[in-house]
Protein backbone atom coordinates (compact mmCIF):
# COMPACT_ATOMS: atom_id res chain seq x y z
CA MET A 1 35.76 5.91 6.37
CA GLN A 2 32.08 5.71 6.90
CA GLU A 3 30.03 4.99 4.00
CA HIS A 4 27.45 7.24 3.04
CA ARG A 5 24.27 6.60 0.76
CA LEU A 6 21.09 8.15 -0.33
CA LEU A 7 18.18 6.71 1.46
CA GLU A 8 15.81 5.14 -0.99
CA PRO A 9 12.26 7.00 -0.98
CA LEU A 10 10.44 3.75 0.83
CA ASP A 11 13.40 3.31 3.48
CA GLY A 12 11.64 2.78 6.77
CA ARG A 13 8.21 3.45 5.66
CA VAL A 14 5.47 1.30 6.97
CA ILE A 15 3.32 0.25 4.30
CA LEU A 16 -0.03 -2.05 5.00
CA ILE A 17 -1.03 -4.67 2.37
CA VAL A 18 -4.71 -6.15 2.64
CA GLN A 19 -4.85 -8.75 -0.11
CA ARG A 20 -6.73 -12.11 -0.16
CA ARG A 21 -4.38 -13.55 -2.34
CA TRP A 22 -1.74 -14.28 -0.04
CA LEU A 23 0.88 -15.05 -2.65
CA LEU A 24 0.59 -12.01 -4.43
CA ALA A 25 0.68 -10.40 -0.91
CA ARG A 26 4.06 -12.01 -0.20
CA GLN A 27 5.19 -11.17 -3.49
CA VAL A 28 4.35 -7.36 -3.16
CA SER A 29 5.71 -7.47 0.34
CA ALA A 30 8.96 -8.91 -0.82
CA ALA A 31 9.13 -6.37 -3.49
CA LEU A 32 8.51 -3.48 -1.23
CA ASN A 33 10.98 -4.86 1.44
CA GLU A 34 13.80 -4.77 -0.89
CA LYS A 35 13.01 -1.18 -1.52
CA GLY A 36 13.55 -0.57 2.29
CA ALA A 37 9.99 -0.32 3.32
CA ARG A 38 8.48 -2.29 6.27
CA THR A 39 5.46 -4.17 5.51
CA LEU A 40 2.07 -5.17 7.52
CA LEU A 41 0.10 -8.16 5.70
CA ALA A 42 -3.71 -8.77 6.37
CA ASN A 43 -5.79 -11.12 4.51
CA SER A 44 -8.92 -9.08 4.68
CA ALA A 45 -10.24 -6.05 5.76
CA ARG A 46 -10.84 -6.55 9.26
CA PRO A 47 -7.42 -7.26 10.64
CA GLY A 48 -6.21 -4.45 8.04
CA GLN A 49 -8.59 -2.09 9.65
CA ALA A 50 -6.78 -3.14 13.20
CA LEU A 51 -3.65 -2.69 11.64
CA ALA A 52 -4.60 0.76 10.20
CA ASP A 53 -5.79 2.05 13.88
CA VAL A 54 -2.60 1.29 15.59
CA SER A 55 0.08 1.88 12.81
CA ASP A 56 1.84 4.95 11.31
CA LEU A 57 1.57 4.13 7.89
CA PHE A 58 3.10 5.63 4.72
CA ALA A 59 0.66 3.90 2.45
CA ALA A 60 -1.52 0.98 1.84
CA VAL A 61 -2.33 -1.63 -0.63
CA LEU A 62 -5.93 -2.62 -0.68
CA ASP A 63 -7.44 -5.49 -2.43
CA GLY A 64 -10.61 -4.33 -3.90
CA ASP A 65 -12.73 -1.29 -2.55
CA CYS A 66 -12.88 -1.72 1.36
CA PRO A 67 -15.05 1.08 2.17
CA GLY A 68 -14.50 1.32 5.98
CA LEU A 69 -10.85 1.06 5.67
CA CYS A 70 -10.53 3.50 2.77
CA ARG A 71 -12.45 6.00 5.19
CA THR A 72 -10.17 5.22 7.87
CA LEU A 73 -6.96 5.68 5.68
CA LYS A 74 -8.33 8.74 4.12
CA ALA A 75 -9.10 10.42 7.58
CA LYS A 76 -5.30 9.61 8.52
CA GLY A 77 -4.10 11.20 5.39
CA VAL A 78 -2.87 7.79 4.20
CA PRO A 79 -2.75 7.49 0.47
CA TYR A 80 -3.50 3.86 -0.90
CA VAL A 81 -3.53 1.81 -4.18
CA LEU A 82 -6.47 -0.20 -4.74
CA TYR A 83 -5.89 -3.41 -6.78
CA THR A 84 -9.24 -3.99 -8.14
CA GLY A 85 -11.28 -5.50 -11.29
CA TYR A 86 -13.93 -3.01 -10.41
CA GLU A 87 -14.56 0.14 -12.83
CA GLN A 88 -15.52 2.63 -10.44
CA VAL A 89 -13.81 2.68 -6.85
CA GLY A 90 -12.75 5.00 -4.37
CA ASP A 91 -13.07 8.82 -4.31
CA GLY A 92 -9.67 9.33 -6.27
CA ALA A 93 -8.46 12.00 -3.69
CA ASN A 94 -6.23 9.59 -1.77
CA ASN A 95 -6.03 6.62 -3.62
CA THR A 96 -4.35 5.34 -7.03
CA VAL A 97 -6.18 2.29 -9.05
CA VAL A 98 -4.15 -0.53 -10.38
CA ARG A 99 -6.36 -2.85 -12.10
CA LYS A 100 -6.46 -6.55 -12.22
CA PRO A 101 -4.58 -8.39 -13.55
CA ALA A 102 -1.40 -6.84 -12.45
CA ASN A 103 1.92 -8.27 -11.16
CA ALA A 104 3.99 -7.28 -7.97
CA GLU A 105 6.20 -4.94 -9.59
CA GLU A 106 3.28 -2.93 -11.10
CA ILE A 107 1.79 -2.59 -7.80
CA VAL A 108 5.11 -1.57 -6.48
CA ALA A 109 5.37 1.05 -8.85
CA ALA A 110 1.98 2.65 -8.05
CA VAL A 111 2.91 2.68 -4.45
CA GLU A 112 6.56 4.61 -5.23
CA GLN A 113 4.27 7.07 -7.40
CA LEU A 114 2.39 7.88 -4.31
CA ARG A 115 5.29 10.07 -2.71
CA TYR A 116 4.89 12.23 -5.72
CA THR A 117 1.23 12.51 -5.90
CA HIS A 118 0.16 12.61 -2.19
CA ILE A 119 2.95 13.94 -0.12
């Protein structure tokens, strides 16, 4: 007998993580992987931009405000979570802001909410 299961909302989705703090990036990546997502990791905007240019992304998690990368994601219709301590960031149209300090679970919860607010 074949077993059926409901797909998790993040199953197979590709999520870009751009985070200077590598430990936090790995924690967020592991939490997203547990929910079935595939993650791409970059430690700054430049490699993040390269990955965004060649990847079919579902969403992204960005450390702070990366203007060029934000524009690319917006043009591609990719929603993103900004993890930042800044008061005013982004344009609000394609992003959700998680204020520092936050843990991996809070960031992942924000990614999961993107499917309701941006899809």
